[in-house]
Amino acid sequence: MSELKVQSVLVTGSNRGIGFEFVQQFLRSQCPPEKIFATCRDPGSPQSQVTVIATLFFTAFLPPVDTTDPASVSTSVKEVEKHLNGQQLDLLINNAGVLTHNNLESQNAEDMLRVYNINVVGPMLVTQAFYPLLKRAEGTGRSAVVHISALLGSLEDVPHLFSFFPVISYRCSKAALNMLSRCQAEGYKQDGIISIAIHPGWVKTDMGGDQAPLTKEDSVSSMMKIISTLNEKQSGTFVDWEGKILPW
């Protein structure tokens, strides 16, 4: 049973929060990947923290990508392929996502479609586009797709905190993302591609808010441990940041 060896990784939504923390921890790891692709819609924007990283580490690259725009995704694939020089992409982390605070009464179609587009269609498009680069690992090792999901997308766990966090569009989108991850695990099995959905916990970020109990440093550090030991037996699972199996 071969475990994942990460020499190249691409992280979406890496300009801040969990995505930015992933990039930092990969760079600071004992054996950092040779290539780190830190993507977001506008790496050069004043709100983006990741630009500084690229100026300090020659292993970090910043191809801009709007995950919901097929043309933008396609352009980023060509850019990443140039840097890989014929090598495979070992790890894709679909992290980009949004949350809006709507309950059953206030939820509207426009918001539902926007959130679904970013949280589900985006990861679908990105994974489809980078599939040929992930598939290159077939026969030489494993590659993996990690979807940053949420416990709020669990169908079984809906009663838990529903009155406090109804967030309808977010819950529905993460449930759909979980299904996407599970389908990819089955469909990409023959290619040696692992697909897993991870709940990062309630993290203190712009999305999670200051009241969240978990720091992004601790969340990502724990998820990095899961990623470093990924194997085919874990493909198709839904776990939290500590590796605990969660109900679909």
Protein backbone atom coordinates (compact mmCIF):
# COMPACT_ATOMS: atom_id res chain seq x y z
CA MET A 1 0.00 0.00 0.00
CA SER A 2 1.74 3.18 -1.16
CA GLU A 3 1.35 6.46 0.68
CA LEU A 4 1.30 9.88 -0.90
CA LYS A 5 4.62 11.55 -1.66
CA VAL A 6 4.06 15.25 -2.30
CA GLN A 7 6.62 16.85 -4.59
CA SER A 8 4.08 19.20 -6.15
CA VAL A 9 0.88 20.69 -4.75
CA LEU A 10 -1.74 23.15 -5.95
CA VAL A 11 -3.95 25.01 -3.47
CA THR A 12 -6.99 27.04 -4.54
CA GLY A 13 -8.15 30.02 -2.50
CA SER A 14 -4.64 30.47 -1.14
CA ASN A 15 -4.70 34.24 -0.71
CA ARG A 16 -5.76 34.07 2.96
CA GLY A 17 -7.17 31.88 5.72
CA ILE A 18 -6.81 28.10 5.50
CA GLY A 19 -5.45 28.17 1.94
CA PHE A 20 -2.68 30.62 2.84
CA GLU A 21 -1.84 28.58 5.92
CA PHE A 22 -1.51 25.44 3.80
CA VAL A 23 1.02 27.22 1.58
CA GLN A 24 3.02 28.44 4.59
CA GLN A 25 3.09 25.03 6.26
CA PHE A 26 4.13 23.25 3.07
CA LEU A 27 6.99 25.72 2.69
CA ARG A 28 8.07 25.26 6.31
CA SER A 29 7.78 21.47 6.28
CA GLN A 30 10.82 19.28 6.82
CA CYS A 31 10.76 18.11 3.20
CA PRO A 32 8.87 20.83 1.30
CA PRO A 33 7.44 20.07 -2.14
CA GLU A 34 9.59 21.05 -5.09
CA LYS A 35 6.68 22.99 -6.61
CA ILE A 36 3.90 24.81 -4.73
CA PHE A 37 1.17 26.46 -6.80
CA ALA A 38 -0.68 28.99 -4.66
CA THR A 39 -3.69 30.03 -6.70
CA CYS A 40 -6.46 32.56 -6.22
CA ARG A 41 -8.42 34.90 -8.47
CA ASP A 42 -6.10 37.88 -7.99
CA PRO A 43 -2.75 37.08 -6.33
CA GLY A 44 -1.66 40.72 -6.66
CA SER A 45 -4.65 42.28 -4.90
CA PRO A 46 -4.07 44.31 -1.71
CA GLN A 47 -6.09 41.72 0.24
CA SER A 48 -3.86 38.84 -0.87
CA GLN A 49 -1.22 37.71 1.63
CA VAL A 50 0.34 35.11 -0.61
CA THR A 51 2.30 37.46 -2.92
CA VAL A 52 4.99 37.95 -0.27
CA ILE A 53 5.53 34.19 -0.14
CA ALA A 54 6.45 33.98 -3.82
CA THR A 55 9.11 36.67 -3.42
CA LEU A 56 10.80 34.70 -0.63
CA PHE A 57 10.60 31.12 -1.91
CA PHE A 58 11.52 30.05 -5.44
CA THR A 59 9.35 26.92 -5.04
CA ALA A 60 6.13 28.97 -4.82
CA PHE A 61 4.28 30.01 -7.97
CA LEU A 62 1.17 32.15 -8.25
CA PRO A 63 -0.87 31.29 -11.34
CA PRO A 64 -4.13 33.28 -11.08
CA VAL A 65 -7.29 31.21 -11.42
CA ASP A 66 -10.97 31.91 -11.08
CA THR A 67 -12.20 28.40 -10.24
CA THR A 68 -15.66 29.10 -11.68
CA ASP A 69 -14.33 30.25 -15.07
CA PRO A 70 -13.38 27.36 -17.40
CA ALA A 71 -11.11 29.60 -19.50
CA SER A 72 -9.22 30.80 -16.42
CA VAL A 73 -8.84 27.25 -15.13
CA SER A 74 -7.60 26.04 -18.52
CA THR A 75 -5.00 28.83 -18.66
CA SER A 76 -3.75 27.93 -15.19
CA VAL A 77 -3.29 24.28 -16.21
CA LYS A 78 -0.98 25.35 -19.03
CA GLU A 79 1.02 27.53 -16.64
CA VAL A 80 1.34 24.77 -14.05
CA GLU A 81 2.32 22.23 -16.73
CA LYS A 82 5.21 24.45 -17.82
CA HIS A 83 6.64 24.46 -14.29
CA LEU A 84 6.14 20.72 -13.81
CA ASN A 85 8.28 19.93 -16.87
CA GLY A 86 6.53 16.65 -17.63
CA GLN A 87 6.18 15.58 -13.99
CA GLN A 88 2.86 14.79 -12.35
CA LEU A 89 0.85 16.97 -9.99
CA ASP A 90 0.85 15.02 -6.72
CA LEU A 91 -1.74 16.91 -4.72
CA LEU A 92 -4.68 19.20 -5.48
CA ILE A 93 -6.34 20.96 -2.54
CA ASN A 94 -9.73 22.40 -3.47
CA ASN A 95 -9.99 25.00 -0.72
CA ALA A 96 -11.68 28.01 -2.35
CA GLY A 97 -15.16 28.51 -0.91
CA VAL A 98 -17.68 30.99 0.44
CA LEU A 99 -20.32 31.09 3.18
CA THR A 100 -23.37 33.34 3.38
CA HIS A 101 -25.71 33.60 6.36
CA ASN A 102 -29.16 32.71 5.05
CA ASN A 103 -31.91 30.73 6.76
CA LEU A 104 -34.88 28.96 5.17
CA GLU A 105 -36.84 32.20 4.99
CA SER A 106 -34.12 34.49 3.65
CA GLN A 107 -32.41 32.05 1.28
CA ASN A 108 -32.84 33.10 -2.36
CA ALA A 109 -32.02 31.53 -5.69
CA GLU A 110 -29.32 34.02 -6.65
CA ASP A 111 -27.27 33.34 -3.52
CA MET A 112 -27.83 29.57 -3.72
CA LEU A 113 -26.52 29.46 -7.27
CA ARG A 114 -23.53 31.70 -6.51
CA VAL A 115 -22.46 29.64 -3.49
CA TYR A 116 -23.04 26.35 -5.32
CA ASN A 117 -21.02 27.63 -8.26
CA ILE A 118 -18.01 28.50 -6.08
CA ASN A 119 -18.21 25.60 -3.60
CA VAL A 120 -19.13 22.75 -5.98
CA VAL A 121 -18.81 23.68 -9.65
CA GLY A 122 -15.40 25.28 -9.03
CA PRO A 123 -13.84 22.14 -7.49
CA MET A 124 -15.41 20.06 -10.27
CA LEU A 125 -13.92 22.24 -13.02
CA VAL A 126 -10.50 22.43 -11.37
CA THR A 127 -10.28 18.69 -10.78
CA GLN A 128 -11.41 17.90 -14.33
CA ALA A 129 -8.84 20.30 -15.76
CA PHE A 130 -5.93 19.02 -13.67
CA TYR A 131 -6.93 15.37 -13.99
CA PRO A 132 -4.38 14.68 -16.78
CA LEU A 133 -1.57 16.00 -14.57
CA LEU A 134 -2.79 14.03 -11.54
CA LYS A 135 -3.12 10.89 -13.66
CA ARG A 136 0.56 11.02 -14.61
CA ALA A 137 1.31 9.52 -11.20
CA GLU A 138 -0.30 6.24 -12.28
CA GLY A 139 2.26 3.47 -12.07
CA THR A 140 4.81 5.63 -10.22
CA GLY A 141 2.90 6.33 -7.02
CA ARG A 142 -0.25 8.06 -5.82
CA SER A 143 -1.81 11.45 -6.36
CA ALA A 144 -4.67 12.97 -4.40
CA VAL A 145 -7.50 15.46 -4.48
CA VAL A 146 -8.39 16.95 -1.10
CA HIS A 147 -11.70 18.79 -0.84
CA ILE A 148 -12.03 21.18 2.09
CA SER A 149 -15.59 20.39 3.13
CA ALA A 150 -17.56 20.98 6.35
CA LEU A 151 -19.47 19.02 8.97
CA LEU A 152 -22.39 21.33 8.16
CA GLY A 153 -22.68 19.41 4.87
CA SER A 154 -23.44 16.16 6.68
CA LEU A 155 -27.00 14.97 6.01
CA GLU A 156 -27.06 12.86 9.16
CA ASP A 157 -25.80 15.69 11.34
CA VAL A 158 -28.31 18.37 10.25
CA PRO A 159 -29.94 18.72 13.70
CA HIS A 160 -26.55 19.56 15.18
CA LEU A 161 -26.27 23.36 15.50
CA PHE A 162 -28.93 23.92 12.81
CA SER A 163 -30.73 26.55 14.89
CA PHE A 164 -27.45 28.45 15.34
CA PHE A 165 -26.00 27.94 11.85
CA PRO A 166 -28.74 27.29 9.28
CA VAL A 167 -26.55 28.72 6.45
CA ILE A 168 -28.68 26.93 3.86
CA SER A 169 -26.68 27.51 0.70
CA TYR A 170 -23.42 26.62 2.43
CA ARG A 171 -24.83 23.40 3.92
CA CYS A 172 -26.32 22.31 0.59
CA SER A 173 -23.14 23.09 -1.33
CA LYS A 174 -20.92 21.15 1.07
CA ALA A 175 -23.26 18.15 0.92
CA ALA A 176 -22.92 18.28 -2.87
CA LEU A 177 -19.14 18.65 -2.60
CA ASN A 178 -19.04 15.52 -0.46
CA MET A 179 -20.89 13.61 -3.18
CA LEU A 180 -18.48 14.96 -5.80
CA SER A 181 -15.54 13.77 -3.72
CA ARG A 182 -17.09 10.33 -3.27
CA CYS A 183 -17.79 10.01 -7.01
CA GLN A 184 -14.24 11.04 -7.87
CA ALA A 185 -12.88 8.43 -5.47
CA GLU A 186 -14.79 5.76 -7.38
CA GLY A 187 -14.25 7.14 -10.87
CA TYR A 188 -10.52 7.85 -10.49
CA LYS A 189 -9.67 4.67 -8.59
CA GLN A 190 -8.15 2.98 -11.62
CA ASP A 191 -5.87 6.00 -12.14
CA GLY A 192 -4.35 5.83 -8.67
CA ILE A 193 -5.97 9.13 -7.64
CA ILE A 194 -7.20 9.40 -4.06
CA SER A 195 -10.15 11.68 -3.31
CA ILE A 196 -11.04 12.68 0.23
CA ALA A 197 -13.25 15.31 1.89
CA ILE A 198 -11.91 16.93 5.07
CA HIS A 199 -13.77 19.06 7.61
CA PRO A 200 -11.15 21.56 8.89
CA GLY A 201 -13.09 22.29 12.08
CA TRP A 202 -14.56 25.62 13.12
CA VAL A 203 -11.54 27.77 12.37
CA LYS A 204 -10.76 31.33 13.34
CA THR A 205 -10.63 32.97 9.89
CA ASP A 206 -12.56 35.69 8.06
CA MET A 207 -15.18 33.03 7.31
CA GLY A 208 -15.19 31.32 10.70
CA GLY A 209 -15.11 34.48 12.79
CA ASP A 210 -13.23 35.40 15.95
CA GLN A 211 -15.41 33.18 18.15
CA ALA A 212 -14.16 29.99 16.46
CA PRO A 213 -12.25 27.74 18.89
CA LEU A 214 -9.64 26.43 16.45
CA THR A 215 -6.70 28.37 15.00
CA LYS A 216 -5.87 27.96 11.33
CA GLU A 217 -2.36 26.90 12.34
CA ASP A 218 -3.65 23.97 14.42
CA SER A 219 -6.30 22.99 11.86
CA VAL A 220 -3.91 22.92 8.92
CA SER A 221 -1.15 21.22 10.92
CA SER A 222 -3.55 18.38 11.73
CA MET A 223 -4.79 18.14 8.13
CA MET A 224 -1.19 18.03 6.91
CA LYS A 225 -0.67 14.90 9.02
CA ILE A 226 -3.68 13.27 7.35
CA ILE A 227 -2.43 14.24 3.89
CA SER A 228 1.11 12.99 4.55
CA THR A 229 -0.17 9.45 5.24
CA LEU A 230 -2.94 9.25 2.64
CA ASN A 231 -3.40 5.90 0.95
CA GLU A 232 -6.01 4.22 -1.24
CA LYS A 233 -7.96 2.86 1.77
CA GLN A 234 -8.84 6.43 2.78
CA SER A 235 -10.13 7.38 -0.65
CA GLY A 236 -13.83 8.15 -0.64
CA THR A 237 -13.98 9.01 3.05
CA PHE A 238 -15.20 12.12 4.91
CA VAL A 239 -13.08 12.97 7.95
CA ASP A 240 -12.44 15.85 10.32
CA TRP A 241 -9.10 17.60 10.81
CA GLU A 242 -8.04 14.94 13.32
CA GLY A 243 -8.87 12.05 11.00
CA LYS A 244 -12.13 11.03 12.67
CA ILE A 245 -14.64 9.53 10.23
CA LEU A 246 -17.70 11.76 9.85
CA PRO A 247 -21.24 10.74 8.83
CA TRP A 248 -22.29 11.58 5.30
